[in-house]
Amino acid sequence: MATYVLLPGAGTDTWYWHLLEAELRGRGQDVVAVDLPCDDDTAGLAEYADTAVRAVGDRTDLIVVAHSFGGFTAPLVCERVPVDLLVLLQAQIPAPGESPGEWWGNTGFEQARREQDERDGRYPDDTVALFHHDTPPELAAQAQEHARPQSATPFMKPWPLAAWPDVPTKFLLSRDDRFFPAAYMRGIVRERLGIAPDEMAGDHCPMLGHPRELADRLEAYRTEA
């Protein structure tokens, strides 16, 4: 039995993982959905990693799945506990010495988003259209209720690792994401990890819109690993 360690994006809670968690448990796997201290102004990336490591406890056969901003925390976890596989799900990929606050400008995020907004003919403040356009409407509405305040603290300090951890890494890209457009993310994955991402349907939160397909993908990765 593997243990999937699910790390959320910014300003979210473990609810976002509940459908995927049920799918993985139905396949006989253990799941730890980590509730990161995103609303705590005293907590930075080190404290995020501490929280994840405590949640893992003495579990083994770990597969870490990181969504969005969770990409900054996941490699820190991999440096502290034995991880068999790291899966980045539409996640940010940090560079050594780069703070999360610098990531946006360094990767050309604003231009990519502006171009995507122009293609979509969409107002940038339409959060459902931006994050959940491929999520069932009832789940998209619930997602708004589970948004949490996100402290700026973890965005301030440089990412502390000198290199990417020595852990097999996969990147799973949501090709319909309007927040992190596909072409933009493909370039970052190629430049920073030197691999081609795998791709699936979905918006920024495919764990809500496509939990079964996502579970299938993760289980295929586990079998391959």
C-alpha atoms as a PDB file:
ATOM      1  CA  MET A   1       0.000   0.000   0.000  1.00  0.00           C
ATOM      2  CA  ALA A   2       1.297   3.436  -0.966  1.00  0.00           C
ATOM      3  CA  THR A   3       0.635   6.649   0.918  1.00  0.00           C
ATOM      4  CA  TYR A   4      -0.336   9.654  -1.183  1.00  0.00           C
ATOM      5  CA  VAL A   5       0.634  12.922   0.500  1.00  0.00           C
ATOM      6  CA  LEU A   6      -1.514  15.699  -0.981  1.00  0.00           C
ATOM      7  CA  LEU A   7      -0.192  19.270  -0.681  1.00  0.00           C
ATOM      8  CA  PRO A   8      -2.651  22.061  -1.539  1.00  0.00           C
ATOM      9  CA  GLY A   9      -2.219  25.312  -3.399  1.00  0.00           C
ATOM     10  CA  ALA A  10      -2.429  28.774  -1.883  1.00  0.00           C
ATOM     11  CA  GLY A  11      -5.431  29.739   0.188  1.00  0.00           C
ATOM     12  CA  THR A  12      -7.145  26.353   0.095  1.00  0.00           C
ATOM     13  CA  ASP A  13      -7.980  23.562   2.498  1.00  0.00           C
ATOM     14  CA  THR A  14      -8.154  19.782   2.377  1.00  0.00           C
ATOM     15  CA  TRP A  15     -11.718  19.837   0.978  1.00  0.00           C
ATOM     16  CA  TYR A  16     -10.248  20.341  -2.488  1.00  0.00           C
ATOM     17  CA  TRP A  17      -8.814  16.825  -2.313  1.00  0.00           C
ATOM     18  CA  HIS A  18     -11.908  14.981  -1.014  1.00  0.00           C
ATOM     19  CA  LEU A  19     -12.974  13.443  -4.338  1.00  0.00           C
ATOM     20  CA  LEU A  20      -9.461  12.338  -5.257  1.00  0.00           C
ATOM     21  CA  GLU A  21      -8.930  11.014  -1.741  1.00  0.00           C
ATOM     22  CA  ALA A  22     -12.035   8.823  -2.070  1.00  0.00           C
ATOM     23  CA  GLU A  23     -10.841   7.526  -5.447  1.00  0.00           C
ATOM     24  CA  LEU A  24      -7.403   6.619  -4.115  1.00  0.00           C
ATOM     25  CA  ARG A  25      -8.748   4.982  -0.975  1.00  0.00           C
ATOM     26  CA  GLY A  26     -11.118   3.004  -3.176  1.00  0.00           C
ATOM     27  CA  ARG A  27      -8.041   1.648  -4.929  1.00  0.00           C
ATOM     28  CA  GLY A  28      -6.608   0.463  -1.597  1.00  0.00           C
ATOM     29  CA  GLN A  29      -4.138   3.292  -0.968  1.00  0.00           C
ATOM     30  CA  ASP A  30      -3.570   5.443   2.107  1.00  0.00           C
ATOM     31  CA  VAL A  31      -3.986   9.204   1.784  1.00  0.00           C
ATOM     32  CA  VAL A  32      -2.741  12.141   3.869  1.00  0.00           C
ATOM     33  CA  ALA A  33      -4.272  15.454   2.798  1.00  0.00           C
ATOM     34  CA  VAL A  34      -2.159  18.123   4.491  1.00  0.00           C
ATOM     35  CA  ASP A  35      -3.762  21.259   5.920  1.00  0.00           C
ATOM     36  CA  LEU A  36      -1.012  23.864   5.505  1.00  0.00           C
ATOM     37  CA  PRO A  37      -1.003  26.975   7.758  1.00  0.00           C
ATOM     38  CA  CYS A  38      -1.736  29.391   4.921  1.00  0.00           C
ATOM     39  CA  ASP A  39      -3.546  31.902   7.156  1.00  0.00           C
ATOM     40  CA  ASP A  40      -0.732  32.094   9.741  1.00  0.00           C
ATOM     41  CA  ASP A  41       1.485  35.148   9.289  1.00  0.00           C
ATOM     42  CA  THR A  42       4.245  33.503  11.319  1.00  0.00           C
ATOM     43  CA  ALA A  43       4.477  30.529   8.933  1.00  0.00           C
ATOM     44  CA  GLY A  44       6.841  30.446   5.972  1.00  0.00           C
ATOM     45  CA  LEU A  45       7.893  27.604   3.698  1.00  0.00           C
ATOM     46  CA  ALA A  46       9.898  25.971   6.501  1.00  0.00           C
ATOM     47  CA  GLU A  47       6.789  25.809   8.659  1.00  0.00           C
ATOM     48  CA  TYR A  48       4.762  24.491   5.721  1.00  0.00           C
ATOM     49  CA  ALA A  49       7.285  21.672   5.342  1.00  0.00           C
ATOM     50  CA  ASP A  50       7.229  21.022   9.098  1.00  0.00           C
ATOM     51  CA  THR A  51       3.438  20.681   8.962  1.00  0.00           C
ATOM     52  CA  ALA A  52       3.613  18.202   6.092  1.00  0.00           C
ATOM     53  CA  VAL A  53       6.326  16.098   7.734  1.00  0.00           C
ATOM     54  CA  ARG A  54       4.317  15.911  10.961  1.00  0.00           C
ATOM     55  CA  ALA A  55       1.241  14.837   9.008  1.00  0.00           C
ATOM     56  CA  VAL A  56       3.205  12.052   7.308  1.00  0.00           C
ATOM     57  CA  GLY A  57       4.454  10.687  10.616  1.00  0.00           C
ATOM     58  CA  ASP A  58       6.051   7.250  10.259  1.00  0.00           C
ATOM     59  CA  ARG A  59       4.277   6.314   7.034  1.00  0.00           C
ATOM     60  CA  THR A  60       6.374   4.878   4.203  1.00  0.00           C
ATOM     61  CA  ASP A  61       6.028   4.244   0.447  1.00  0.00           C
ATOM     62  CA  LEU A  62       5.293   7.929  -0.030  1.00  0.00           C
ATOM     63  CA  ILE A  63       4.039   9.598  -3.190  1.00  0.00           C
ATOM     64  CA  VAL A  64       3.872  13.374  -2.796  1.00  0.00           C
ATOM     65  CA  VAL A  65       1.345  15.193  -4.985  1.00  0.00           C
ATOM     66  CA  ALA A  66       1.658  18.988  -4.982  1.00  0.00           C
ATOM     67  CA  HIS A  67      -0.857  21.377  -6.517  1.00  0.00           C
ATOM     68  CA  SER A  68      -0.096  24.943  -7.620  1.00  0.00           C
ATOM     69  CA  PHE A  69       1.766  26.797  -4.806  1.00  0.00           C
ATOM     70  CA  GLY A  70       2.352  23.412  -3.158  1.00  0.00           C
ATOM     71  CA  GLY A  71       5.209  23.028  -5.628  1.00  0.00           C
ATOM     72  CA  PHE A  72       7.363  25.218  -3.372  1.00  0.00           C
ATOM     73  CA  THR A  73       6.771  23.012  -0.328  1.00  0.00           C
ATOM     74  CA  ALA A  74       6.928  19.546  -1.894  1.00  0.00           C
ATOM     75  CA  PRO A  75      10.691  19.457  -2.624  1.00  0.00           C
ATOM     76  CA  LEU A  76      11.402  20.526   0.970  1.00  0.00           C
ATOM     77  CA  VAL A  77       9.370  17.555   2.174  1.00  0.00           C
ATOM     78  CA  CYS A  78      11.291  15.270  -0.188  1.00  0.00           C
ATOM     79  CA  GLU A  79      14.544  16.385   1.438  1.00  0.00           C
ATOM     80  CA  ARG A  80      13.318  15.334   4.885  1.00  0.00           C
ATOM     81  CA  VAL A  81      11.420  12.064   4.435  1.00  0.00           C
ATOM     82  CA  PRO A  82      11.955   9.148   2.017  1.00  0.00           C
ATOM     83  CA  VAL A  83       9.722   9.809  -1.013  1.00  0.00           C
ATOM     84  CA  ASP A  84       9.330   7.319  -3.847  1.00  0.00           C
ATOM     85  CA  LEU A  85       7.770   9.741  -6.323  1.00  0.00           C
ATOM     86  CA  LEU A  86       6.942  13.442  -6.582  1.00  0.00           C
ATOM     87  CA  VAL A  87       4.030  14.459  -8.818  1.00  0.00           C
ATOM     88  CA  LEU A  88       3.575  18.146  -9.590  1.00  0.00           C
ATOM     89  CA  LEU A  89      -0.044  18.859 -10.502  1.00  0.00           C
ATOM     90  CA  GLN A  90      -0.198  22.168 -12.372  1.00  0.00           C
ATOM     91  CA  ALA A  91       2.322  23.298  -9.784  1.00  0.00           C
ATOM     92  CA  GLN A  92       4.837  26.091  -9.520  1.00  0.00           C
ATOM     93  CA  ILE A  93       8.429  24.957 -10.000  1.00  0.00           C
ATOM     94  CA  PRO A  94      10.912  26.961  -7.918  1.00  0.00           C
ATOM     95  CA  ALA A  95      14.493  27.723  -8.840  1.00  0.00           C
ATOM     96  CA  PRO A  96      17.271  27.775  -6.220  1.00  0.00           C
ATOM     97  CA  GLY A  97      17.377  31.107  -4.411  1.00  0.00           C
ATOM     98  CA  GLU A  98      14.119  32.314  -5.921  1.00  0.00           C
ATOM     99  CA  SER A  99      11.394  33.482  -3.574  1.00  0.00           C
ATOM    100  CA  PRO A 100       7.781  32.592  -4.392  1.00  0.00           C
ATOM    101  CA  GLY A 101       7.157  36.307  -4.768  1.00  0.00           C
ATOM    102  CA  GLU A 102       9.812  36.513  -7.496  1.00  0.00           C
ATOM    103  CA  TRP A 103       8.528  33.453  -9.357  1.00  0.00           C
ATOM    104  CA  TRP A 104       5.745  35.317 -11.158  1.00  0.00           C
ATOM    105  CA  GLY A 105       7.991  37.901 -12.767  1.00  0.00           C
ATOM    106  CA  ASN A 106      10.818  35.452 -13.463  1.00  0.00           C
ATOM    107  CA  THR A 107       8.524  33.105 -15.380  1.00  0.00           C
ATOM    108  CA  GLY A 108       6.574  35.695 -17.383  1.00  0.00           C
ATOM    109  CA  PHE A 109       3.277  34.979 -15.652  1.00  0.00           C
ATOM    110  CA  GLU A 110       1.610  38.353 -16.213  1.00  0.00           C
ATOM    111  CA  GLN A 111       2.120  38.307 -19.980  1.00  0.00           C
ATOM    112  CA  ALA A 112       0.945  34.696 -20.244  1.00  0.00           C
ATOM    113  CA  ARG A 113      -2.205  35.475 -18.249  1.00  0.00           C
ATOM    114  CA  ARG A 114      -2.914  38.653 -20.196  1.00  0.00           C
ATOM    115  CA  GLU A 115      -2.661  36.798 -23.487  1.00  0.00           C
ATOM    116  CA  GLN A 116      -4.914  34.030 -22.170  1.00  0.00           C
ATOM    117  CA  ASP A 117      -7.495  36.558 -20.961  1.00  0.00           C
ATOM    118  CA  GLU A 118      -7.516  38.179 -24.386  1.00  0.00           C
ATOM    119  CA  ARG A 119      -8.065  34.832 -26.083  1.00  0.00           C
ATOM    120  CA  ASP A 120     -10.904  33.988 -23.690  1.00  0.00           C
ATOM    121  CA  GLY A 121     -12.500  37.448 -23.766  1.00  0.00           C
ATOM    122  CA  ARG A 122     -12.751  37.173 -19.993  1.00  0.00           C
ATOM    123  CA  TYR A 123     -12.522  39.647 -17.171  1.00  0.00           C
ATOM    124  CA  PRO A 124      -9.524  38.829 -14.928  1.00  0.00           C
ATOM    125  CA  ASP A 125     -11.573  39.067 -11.698  1.00  0.00           C
ATOM    126  CA  ASP A 126     -14.047  36.352 -12.721  1.00  0.00           C
ATOM    127  CA  THR A 127     -12.670  33.725 -10.324  1.00  0.00           C
ATOM    128  CA  VAL A 128     -15.006  30.886 -11.310  1.00  0.00           C
ATOM    129  CA  ALA A 129     -14.198  31.328 -14.996  1.00  0.00           C
ATOM    130  CA  LEU A 130     -10.505  31.579 -14.140  1.00  0.00           C
ATOM    131  CA  PHE A 131     -10.114  28.616 -11.783  1.00  0.00           C
ATOM    132  CA  HIS A 132     -13.200  26.379 -12.121  1.00  0.00           C
ATOM    133  CA  HIS A 133     -14.642  26.642 -15.631  1.00  0.00           C
ATOM    134  CA  ASP A 134     -14.284  22.847 -16.090  1.00  0.00           C
ATOM    135  CA  THR A 135     -15.534  22.015 -12.571  1.00  0.00           C
ATOM    136  CA  PRO A 136     -19.173  20.948 -12.015  1.00  0.00           C
ATOM    137  CA  PRO A 137     -21.091  24.115 -10.998  1.00  0.00           C
ATOM    138  CA  GLU A 138     -22.121  22.795  -7.591  1.00  0.00           C
ATOM    139  CA  LEU A 139     -18.497  22.004  -6.754  1.00  0.00           C
ATOM    140  CA  ALA A 140     -17.305  25.351  -8.114  1.00  0.00           C
ATOM    141  CA  ALA A 141     -19.772  27.066  -5.765  1.00  0.00           C
ATOM    142  CA  GLN A 142     -18.575  25.002  -2.806  1.00  0.00           C
ATOM    143  CA  ALA A 143     -14.964  25.814  -3.657  1.00  0.00           C
ATOM    144  CA  GLN A 144     -15.677  29.502  -3.037  1.00  0.00           C
ATOM    145  CA  GLU A 145     -16.803  28.597   0.484  1.00  0.00           C
ATOM    146  CA  HIS A 146     -13.531  26.770   1.153  1.00  0.00           C
ATOM    147  CA  ALA A 147     -11.206  29.609   0.145  1.00  0.00           C
ATOM    148  CA  ARG A 148      -8.911  30.627   3.025  1.00  0.00           C
ATOM    149  CA  PRO A 149      -6.848  33.758   3.632  1.00  0.00           C
ATOM    150  CA  GLN A 150      -3.338  33.379   2.284  1.00  0.00           C
ATOM    151  CA  SER A 151      -0.537  35.014   4.250  1.00  0.00           C
ATOM    152  CA  ALA A 152       2.183  36.766   2.259  1.00  0.00           C
ATOM    153  CA  THR A 153       4.889  35.443   4.601  1.00  0.00           C
ATOM    154  CA  PRO A 154       5.930  32.346   2.586  1.00  0.00           C
ATOM    155  CA  PHE A 155       6.340  34.478  -0.547  1.00  0.00           C
ATOM    156  CA  MET A 156       9.093  36.610   0.981  1.00  0.00           C
ATOM    157  CA  LYS A 157      12.150  34.421   1.522  1.00  0.00           C
ATOM    158  CA  PRO A 158      14.235  32.590  -1.111  1.00  0.00           C
ATOM    159  CA  TRP A 159      13.513  28.929  -1.758  1.00  0.00           C
ATOM    160  CA  PRO A 160      16.267  27.320   0.325  1.00  0.00           C
ATOM    161  CA  LEU A 161      17.379  24.295  -1.722  1.00  0.00           C
ATOM    162  CA  ALA A 162      20.513  24.439  -3.879  1.00  0.00           C
ATOM    163  CA  ALA A 163      19.067  21.966  -6.388  1.00  0.00           C
ATOM    164  CA  TRP A 164      16.002  19.886  -7.101  1.00  0.00           C
ATOM    165  CA  PRO A 165      15.848  16.862  -4.768  1.00  0.00           C
ATOM    166  CA  ASP A 166      17.016  13.501  -6.069  1.00  0.00           C
ATOM    167  CA  VAL A 167      13.497  12.084  -6.339  1.00  0.00           C
ATOM    168  CA  PRO A 168      11.750  10.790  -9.480  1.00  0.00           C
ATOM    169  CA  THR A 169       9.513  13.652 -10.588  1.00  0.00           C
ATOM    170  CA  LYS A 170       6.496  13.813 -12.886  1.00  0.00           C
ATOM    171  CA  PHE A 171       4.599  16.892 -14.014  1.00  0.00           C
ATOM    172  CA  LEU A 172       0.904  16.529 -14.816  1.00  0.00           C
ATOM    173  CA  LEU A 173      -0.455  19.518 -16.707  1.00  0.00           C
ATOM    174  CA  SER A 174      -4.103  20.590 -16.948  1.00  0.00           C
ATOM    175  CA  ARG A 175      -4.310  21.623 -20.552  1.00  0.00           C
ATOM    176  CA  ASP A 176      -7.452  23.789 -20.099  1.00  0.00           C
ATOM    177  CA  ASP A 177      -6.183  25.833 -17.136  1.00  0.00           C
ATOM    178  CA  ARG A 178      -6.732  29.571 -17.656  1.00  0.00           C
ATOM    179  CA  PHE A 179      -4.728  30.645 -14.600  1.00  0.00           C
ATOM    180  CA  PHE A 180      -1.530  28.803 -15.594  1.00  0.00           C
ATOM    181  CA  PRO A 181      -1.969  28.510 -19.388  1.00  0.00           C
ATOM    182  CA  ALA A 182      -0.719  25.283 -20.940  1.00  0.00           C
ATOM    183  CA  ALA A 183       1.886  26.745 -23.312  1.00  0.00           C
ATOM    184  CA  TYR A 184       3.337  28.821 -20.485  1.00  0.00           C
ATOM    185  CA  MET A 185       3.587  25.824 -18.160  1.00  0.00           C
ATOM    186  CA  ARG A 186       5.115  23.575 -20.815  1.00  0.00           C
ATOM    187  CA  GLY A 187       7.962  26.063 -21.159  1.00  0.00           C
ATOM    188  CA  ILE A 188       8.583  26.257 -17.415  1.00  0.00           C
ATOM    189  CA  VAL A 189       8.577  22.465 -17.035  1.00  0.00           C
ATOM    190  CA  ARG A 190      11.024  22.061 -19.905  1.00  0.00           C
ATOM    191  CA  GLU A 191      13.323  24.831 -18.665  1.00  0.00           C
ATOM    192  CA  ARG A 192      13.350  23.996 -14.947  1.00  0.00           C
ATOM    193  CA  LEU A 193      12.935  20.218 -14.852  1.00  0.00           C
ATOM    194  CA  GLY A 194      14.209  19.211 -18.280  1.00  0.00           C
ATOM    195  CA  ILE A 195      11.211  16.952 -18.921  1.00  0.00           C
ATOM    196  CA  ALA A 196       8.038  17.066 -20.980  1.00  0.00           C
ATOM    197  CA  PRO A 197       4.862  17.226 -18.894  1.00  0.00           C
ATOM    198  CA  ASP A 198       2.099  14.693 -19.178  1.00  0.00           C
ATOM    199  CA  GLU A 199      -1.263  16.283 -19.924  1.00  0.00           C
ATOM    200  CA  MET A 200      -4.898  15.733 -19.012  1.00  0.00           C
ATOM    201  CA  ALA A 201      -8.159  17.624 -19.369  1.00  0.00           C
ATOM    202  CA  GLY A 202      -9.132  20.074 -16.667  1.00  0.00           C
ATOM    203  CA  ASP A 203      -8.994  23.594 -15.283  1.00  0.00           C
ATOM    204  CA  HIS A 204      -6.717  24.759 -12.482  1.00  0.00           C
ATOM    205  CA  CYS A 205      -8.289  22.227 -10.094  1.00  0.00           C
ATOM    206  CA  PRO A 206      -8.575  18.896 -11.936  1.00  0.00           C
ATOM    207  CA  MET A 207      -8.980  17.089  -8.611  1.00  0.00           C
ATOM    208  CA  LEU A 208     -12.519  18.510  -8.581  1.00  0.00           C
ATOM    209  CA  GLY A 209     -13.445  18.217 -12.240  1.00  0.00           C
ATOM    210  CA  HIS A 210     -11.672  14.948 -13.098  1.00  0.00           C
ATOM    211  CA  PRO A 211     -10.908  13.039  -9.878  1.00  0.00           C
ATOM    212  CA  ARG A 212     -11.238   9.575 -11.410  1.00  0.00           C
ATOM    213  CA  GLU A 213      -8.923  10.312 -14.327  1.00  0.00           C
ATOM    214  CA  LEU A 214      -6.461  11.956 -11.968  1.00  0.00           C
ATOM    215  CA  ALA A 215      -6.494   8.907  -9.690  1.00  0.00           C
ATOM    216  CA  ASP A 216      -5.926   6.680 -12.712  1.00  0.00           C
ATOM    217  CA  ARG A 217      -2.944   8.793 -13.734  1.00  0.00           C
ATOM    218  CA  LEU A 218      -1.435   8.715 -10.249  1.00  0.00           C
ATOM    219  CA  GLU A 219      -1.902   4.991  -9.942  1.00  0.00           C
ATOM    220  CA  ALA A 220      -0.237   4.491 -13.334  1.00  0.00           C
ATOM    221  CA  TYR A 221       2.708   6.543 -12.115  1.00  0.00           C
ATOM    222  CA  ARG A 222       2.859   4.457  -8.953  1.00  0.00           C
ATOM    223  CA  THR A 223       2.891   1.210 -10.920  1.00  0.00           C
ATOM    224  CA  GLU A 224       5.573   2.533 -13.253  1.00  0.00           C
ATOM    225  CA  ALA A 225       7.711   3.708 -10.335  1.00  0.00           C
END
